[in-house]
Amino acid sequence: MINVTAQELETILVTIDKALAMHEVWRDQIQRTLACRMSPREADMDDEAHYQCDFGVWFYSPTNANIRNLTSFKKIEAMHQIMHARARELCIRLKGHWHITPKEYDLYIEQVVSFRAELTQLRQKVFDTLHKIDPLTGAYSGAHILADLEREQAQKKTRGQAYSLLMLRFDLFDINQVFGRAKGDDILRASISAIRGALDAGEKVYRYAGAEFVICLPGKDASDADKTRQRLLAIISRAIETAVENSAASLQIHYAITELDPDTYIEQLINQAARATYTIRI
């Protein structure tokens, strides 16, 4: 799961659109230089040309440090550097009045096309994810949980891998009545953000309905899921204490664990699981 909020995903979309536009401007400039046999720019022949194009200047700016740490953008960074290396070779040959072979040109074009395709694919992935994300908490929307878990049920039939569901329901009635719904939203936002940051690879959290969330734990049986439950509730307690000022109130979280049965309806698994209660003083 991409551990970002809906707002952060929207920012990434804008970022990718900027990257695509900058890439096309640079690509057209290189194509014009090669086709018209113009004198190449010194920046395009520099060993660090990937830092000097408009995309590079923008990408390596201090404000984009977080973007550069994302795995998808690290791949794009490597492809961008290779693309400039191929372009630099062509520009050097052009300046030296040396012949550019079809193979050399094709290697450059292949990298240009691959770079743009990777950016476009990433944009589509972010766009699709954005429309599956709950804007308040960053959890996946409950509208997608049934289809996703039905696929997991089908895989469980063939693979037999352990798979558990951890349900958490935040009882915000008293909080909302006394302090207003904004306080309840703050609690949900802080809690689910903390959960998303603590989940292992492949684990997901869905906003099932209202203040009820389902955490999918592939590879974990009920015993392992209970250990995860204890760890997450402790993390939630700390997150709420940090995010919410002392309000002299308590919050109850009702929880349940059930193993994914490939032959039982998902709604039945979730709704019939026995609940217990965990209380947090805030």
Protein backbone atom coordinates (compact mmCIF):
# COMPACT_ATOMS: atom_id res chain seq x y z
CA MET A 1 0.00 0.00 0.00
CA ILE A 2 1.22 3.44 -0.78
CA ASN A 3 1.58 5.06 2.61
CA VAL A 4 0.35 8.51 1.65
CA THR A 5 -2.87 10.44 2.04
CA ALA A 6 -5.27 11.37 -0.74
CA GLN A 7 -3.91 14.94 -0.67
CA GLU A 8 -0.36 13.64 -1.06
CA LEU A 9 -1.46 11.47 -3.99
CA GLU A 10 -2.98 14.52 -5.68
CA THR A 11 0.34 16.33 -5.22
CA ILE A 12 2.19 13.38 -6.80
CA LEU A 13 -0.18 13.51 -9.79
CA VAL A 14 0.67 17.19 -10.33
CA THR A 15 4.34 16.28 -9.93
CA ILE A 16 4.19 13.61 -12.64
CA ASP A 17 2.35 15.94 -15.01
CA LYS A 18 5.15 18.49 -14.57
CA ALA A 19 7.74 15.78 -15.19
CA LEU A 20 6.03 14.68 -18.40
CA ALA A 21 5.86 18.24 -19.71
CA MET A 22 9.52 18.94 -18.91
CA HIS A 23 10.59 15.67 -20.50
CA GLU A 24 8.80 16.47 -23.74
CA VAL A 25 10.36 19.94 -23.98
CA TRP A 26 13.85 18.44 -23.54
CA ARG A 27 13.14 15.58 -25.98
CA ASP A 28 11.95 17.99 -28.68
CA GLN A 29 15.02 20.17 -28.20
CA ILE A 30 17.37 17.18 -28.62
CA GLN A 31 15.44 15.96 -31.66
CA ARG A 32 15.70 19.41 -33.28
CA THR A 33 19.44 19.52 -32.59
CA LEU A 34 20.01 16.12 -34.18
CA ALA A 35 17.69 16.60 -37.16
CA CYS A 36 19.00 20.06 -38.07
CA ARG A 37 22.61 19.17 -37.20
CA MET A 38 22.83 22.15 -34.89
CA SER A 39 25.64 22.67 -32.42
CA PRO A 40 24.66 20.77 -29.23
CA ARG A 41 24.32 22.63 -25.97
CA GLU A 42 27.23 22.20 -23.58
CA ALA A 43 24.78 21.18 -20.85
CA ASP A 44 23.64 18.19 -22.93
CA MET A 45 27.25 16.97 -23.27
CA ASP A 46 28.09 17.33 -19.59
CA ASP A 47 28.69 14.17 -17.53
CA GLU A 48 25.98 15.38 -15.18
CA ALA A 49 23.54 16.50 -17.85
CA HIS A 50 20.67 14.80 -15.99
CA TYR A 51 21.07 17.41 -13.24
CA GLN A 52 20.96 20.35 -15.66
CA CYS A 53 17.83 19.80 -17.75
CA ASP A 54 14.61 21.43 -16.51
CA PHE A 55 13.39 18.10 -15.13
CA GLY A 56 16.72 17.50 -13.35
CA VAL A 57 16.84 20.98 -11.81
CA TRP A 58 13.30 20.50 -10.54
CA PHE A 59 13.72 16.85 -9.50
CA TYR A 60 16.90 17.43 -7.49
CA SER A 61 15.67 20.57 -5.75
CA PRO A 62 15.51 20.36 -1.92
CA THR A 63 11.71 20.61 -1.97
CA ASN A 64 11.49 17.23 -3.75
CA ALA A 65 13.58 15.22 -1.26
CA ASN A 66 10.56 13.15 -0.20
CA ILE A 67 9.61 12.41 -3.80
CA ARG A 68 13.11 11.11 -4.55
CA ASN A 69 12.84 8.63 -1.68
CA LEU A 70 9.82 6.88 -3.19
CA THR A 71 10.75 3.58 -4.85
CA SER A 72 8.88 4.40 -8.07
CA PHE A 73 10.73 7.70 -8.45
CA LYS A 74 14.08 6.06 -7.76
CA LYS A 75 13.46 3.88 -10.81
CA ILE A 76 12.51 6.95 -12.85
CA GLU A 77 15.66 8.71 -11.64
CA ALA A 78 17.84 5.83 -12.91
CA MET A 79 16.05 5.76 -16.28
CA HIS A 80 16.40 9.54 -16.60
CA GLN A 81 20.16 9.33 -16.01
CA ILE A 82 20.57 6.58 -18.65
CA MET A 83 18.49 8.57 -21.14
CA HIS A 84 20.78 11.58 -20.74
CA ALA A 85 23.86 9.39 -21.08
CA ARG A 86 22.56 8.11 -24.43
CA ALA A 87 21.69 11.64 -25.57
CA ARG A 88 25.15 12.86 -24.49
CA GLU A 89 26.84 10.23 -26.67
CA LEU A 90 24.86 11.39 -29.71
CA CYS A 91 25.58 15.07 -29.04
CA ILE A 92 29.31 14.41 -28.69
CA ARG A 93 29.35 12.52 -31.98
CA LEU A 94 27.38 15.31 -33.65
CA LYS A 95 29.76 18.00 -32.40
CA GLY A 96 32.76 15.97 -33.58
CA HIS A 97 31.15 15.55 -37.03
CA TRP A 98 31.16 11.79 -36.54
CA HIS A 99 28.57 9.50 -38.03
CA ILE A 100 25.69 8.45 -35.76
CA THR A 101 24.76 4.84 -36.45
CA PRO A 102 21.13 3.63 -36.47
CA LYS A 103 21.94 1.40 -33.49
CA GLU A 104 23.22 4.35 -31.44
CA TYR A 105 20.16 6.41 -32.31
CA ASP A 106 17.78 3.52 -31.59
CA LEU A 107 19.28 2.99 -28.13
CA TYR A 108 18.61 6.64 -27.35
CA ILE A 109 15.03 6.50 -28.69
CA GLU A 110 14.29 3.32 -26.76
CA GLN A 111 15.31 5.00 -23.52
CA VAL A 112 13.27 8.13 -24.31
CA VAL A 113 10.18 6.00 -24.95
CA SER A 114 10.78 3.84 -21.86
CA PHE A 115 11.22 6.87 -19.61
CA ARG A 116 7.97 8.43 -20.76
CA ALA A 117 6.13 5.10 -20.54
CA GLU A 118 7.33 4.64 -16.94
CA LEU A 119 6.13 8.11 -15.98
CA THR A 120 2.77 7.51 -17.67
CA GLN A 121 2.36 4.12 -15.99
CA LEU A 122 3.16 5.61 -12.59
CA ARG A 123 0.65 8.38 -13.17
CA GLN A 124 -2.08 5.85 -13.93
CA LYS A 125 -1.19 3.83 -10.84
CA VAL A 126 -1.39 6.92 -8.63
CA PHE A 127 -4.65 8.01 -10.29
CA ASP A 128 -6.22 4.58 -9.72
CA THR A 129 -5.03 4.47 -6.11
CA LEU A 130 -6.35 7.97 -5.43
CA HIS A 131 -9.86 6.85 -6.35
CA LYS A 132 -9.62 3.93 -3.91
CA ILE A 133 -8.46 6.00 -0.94
CA ASP A 134 -10.59 7.40 1.87
CA PRO A 135 -9.72 11.13 1.87
CA LEU A 136 -9.91 11.54 5.66
CA THR A 137 -7.75 8.64 6.84
CA GLY A 138 -5.75 7.43 3.84
CA ALA A 139 -7.17 3.91 4.28
CA TYR A 140 -8.52 2.06 1.27
CA SER A 141 -12.20 2.68 0.62
CA GLY A 142 -14.56 0.02 1.90
CA ALA A 143 -16.19 -0.10 -1.53
CA HIS A 144 -13.26 -2.23 -2.73
CA ILE A 145 -12.82 -4.63 0.20
CA LEU A 146 -15.30 -7.29 -0.91
CA ALA A 147 -13.81 -7.69 -4.39
CA ASP A 148 -10.26 -7.65 -2.99
CA LEU A 149 -10.98 -10.26 -0.32
CA GLU A 150 -12.89 -12.50 -2.72
CA ARG A 151 -9.70 -12.65 -4.79
CA GLU A 152 -7.77 -13.53 -1.63
CA GLN A 153 -10.30 -16.28 -0.87
CA ALA A 154 -9.76 -17.79 -4.31
CA GLN A 155 -5.99 -17.76 -3.77
CA LYS A 156 -6.36 -19.28 -0.30
CA LYS A 157 -8.21 -22.23 -1.81
CA THR A 158 -5.25 -23.01 -4.05
CA ARG A 159 -2.35 -21.99 -1.80
CA GLY A 160 -3.71 -22.59 1.68
CA GLN A 161 -1.76 -19.64 3.11
CA ALA A 162 -2.84 -18.21 6.46
CA TYR A 163 -4.80 -14.97 6.18
CA SER A 164 -6.45 -13.04 9.01
CA LEU A 165 -8.67 -10.00 9.35
CA LEU A 166 -8.38 -7.56 12.24
CA MET A 167 -11.43 -5.38 12.76
CA LEU A 168 -11.23 -2.11 14.72
CA ARG A 169 -14.27 0.04 15.50
CA PHE A 170 -13.70 3.41 17.16
CA ASP A 171 -16.55 4.36 19.51
CA LEU A 172 -16.56 8.12 18.94
CA PHE A 173 -20.07 8.88 20.16
CA ASP A 174 -19.07 10.52 23.47
CA ILE A 175 -16.09 12.28 21.90
CA ASN A 176 -18.26 13.75 19.13
CA GLN A 177 -21.01 14.75 21.56
CA VAL A 178 -18.70 16.56 23.97
CA PHE A 179 -15.93 17.90 21.74
CA GLY A 180 -17.48 17.93 18.26
CA ARG A 181 -17.00 15.78 15.18
CA ALA A 182 -13.74 17.54 14.30
CA LYS A 183 -12.15 15.95 17.37
CA GLY A 184 -13.41 12.54 16.26
CA ASP A 185 -11.98 13.11 12.79
CA ASP A 186 -8.62 14.05 14.35
CA ILE A 187 -8.60 10.78 16.26
CA LEU A 188 -9.38 8.69 13.18
CA ARG A 189 -6.84 10.56 11.05
CA ALA A 190 -4.03 10.14 13.61
CA SER A 191 -4.89 6.52 14.38
CA ILE A 192 -5.11 5.23 10.81
CA SER A 193 -2.06 7.20 9.75
CA ALA A 194 -0.13 5.47 12.54
CA ILE A 195 -1.50 2.08 11.49
CA ARG A 196 -0.58 2.61 7.84
CA GLY A 197 2.96 3.46 8.84
CA ALA A 198 3.27 0.33 11.01
CA LEU A 199 1.87 -2.32 8.66
CA ASP A 200 4.14 -4.89 7.08
CA ALA A 201 4.53 -5.23 3.31
CA GLY A 202 1.36 -6.57 1.69
CA GLU A 203 -0.90 -5.61 4.60
CA LYS A 204 -3.76 -3.18 4.00
CA VAL A 205 -6.27 -1.22 6.03
CA TYR A 206 -9.77 -0.47 4.71
CA ARG A 207 -12.37 1.94 6.02
CA TYR A 208 -15.23 -0.53 6.09
CA ALA A 209 -18.01 1.76 7.33
CA GLY A 210 -18.05 4.93 9.42
CA ALA A 211 -15.49 4.48 12.20
CA GLU A 212 -14.98 0.76 11.52
CA PHE A 213 -11.81 -0.46 9.82
CA VAL A 214 -10.65 -3.84 8.56
CA ILE A 215 -6.94 -4.65 8.47
CA CYS A 216 -5.95 -7.46 6.12
CA LEU A 217 -3.04 -9.58 7.33
CA PRO A 218 -1.83 -12.07 4.70
CA GLY A 219 0.43 -14.84 5.99
CA LYS A 220 -0.77 -14.46 9.61
CA ASP A 221 -2.98 -16.84 11.56
CA ALA A 222 -5.19 -15.73 14.45
CA SER A 223 -2.32 -15.93 16.96
CA ASP A 224 -0.03 -13.78 14.81
CA ALA A 225 -2.90 -11.38 14.12
CA ASP A 226 -3.46 -10.94 17.87
CA LYS A 227 0.19 -9.97 18.31
CA THR A 228 -0.30 -7.41 15.53
CA ARG A 229 -3.46 -6.21 17.27
CA GLN A 230 -1.59 -5.60 20.53
CA ARG A 231 1.20 -3.77 18.74
CA LEU A 232 -1.19 -1.58 16.72
CA LEU A 233 -3.34 -0.64 19.71
CA ALA A 234 -0.23 0.53 21.55
CA ILE A 235 0.80 2.55 18.51
CA ILE A 236 -2.70 4.03 18.25
CA SER A 237 -2.57 5.07 21.92
CA ARG A 238 0.67 6.96 21.39
CA ALA A 239 -0.57 8.55 18.16
CA ILE A 240 -3.75 9.82 19.80
CA GLU A 241 -1.88 11.19 22.81
CA THR A 242 0.39 13.11 20.43
CA ALA A 243 -2.35 14.36 18.09
CA VAL A 244 -5.07 15.21 20.61
CA GLU A 245 -4.64 17.60 23.51
CA ASN A 246 -5.59 16.36 26.95
CA SER A 247 -9.38 16.20 26.98
CA ALA A 248 -9.94 14.20 30.20
CA ALA A 249 -11.96 11.64 28.25
CA SER A 250 -11.71 8.01 27.24
CA LEU A 251 -12.03 6.27 23.89
CA GLN A 252 -13.16 2.71 23.40
CA ILE A 253 -11.95 0.66 20.47
CA HIS A 254 -13.84 -2.56 19.80
CA TYR A 255 -11.75 -5.18 18.06
CA ALA A 256 -12.12 -8.66 16.62
CA ILE A 257 -9.97 -11.14 14.76
CA THR A 258 -11.09 -13.78 12.30
CA GLU A 259 -9.23 -15.98 9.87
CA LEU A 260 -10.23 -15.71 6.23
CA ASP A 261 -12.42 -18.70 5.35
CA PRO A 262 -12.56 -19.27 1.57
CA ASP A 263 -16.09 -20.66 1.80
CA THR A 264 -17.75 -17.97 3.97
CA TYR A 265 -19.20 -14.66 2.80
CA ILE A 266 -16.93 -11.73 3.66
CA GLU A 267 -19.74 -9.74 5.31
CA GLN A 268 -20.52 -12.74 7.51
CA LEU A 269 -16.89 -13.10 8.58
CA ILE A 270 -16.65 -9.43 9.50
CA ASN A 271 -20.04 -8.96 11.15
CA GLN A 272 -20.14 -12.18 13.19
CA ALA A 273 -16.64 -12.04 14.64
CA ALA A 274 -16.68 -11.76 18.44
CA ARG A 275 -15.76 -8.29 19.65
CA ALA A 276 -13.65 -7.25 22.65
CA THR A 277 -12.97 -3.72 23.91
CA TYR A 278 -9.79 -1.71 24.44
CA THR A 279 -9.98 1.62 26.30
CA ILE A 280 -7.63 4.55 25.75
CA ARG A 281 -7.50 7.52 28.14
CA ILE A 282 -7.02 10.79 26.25
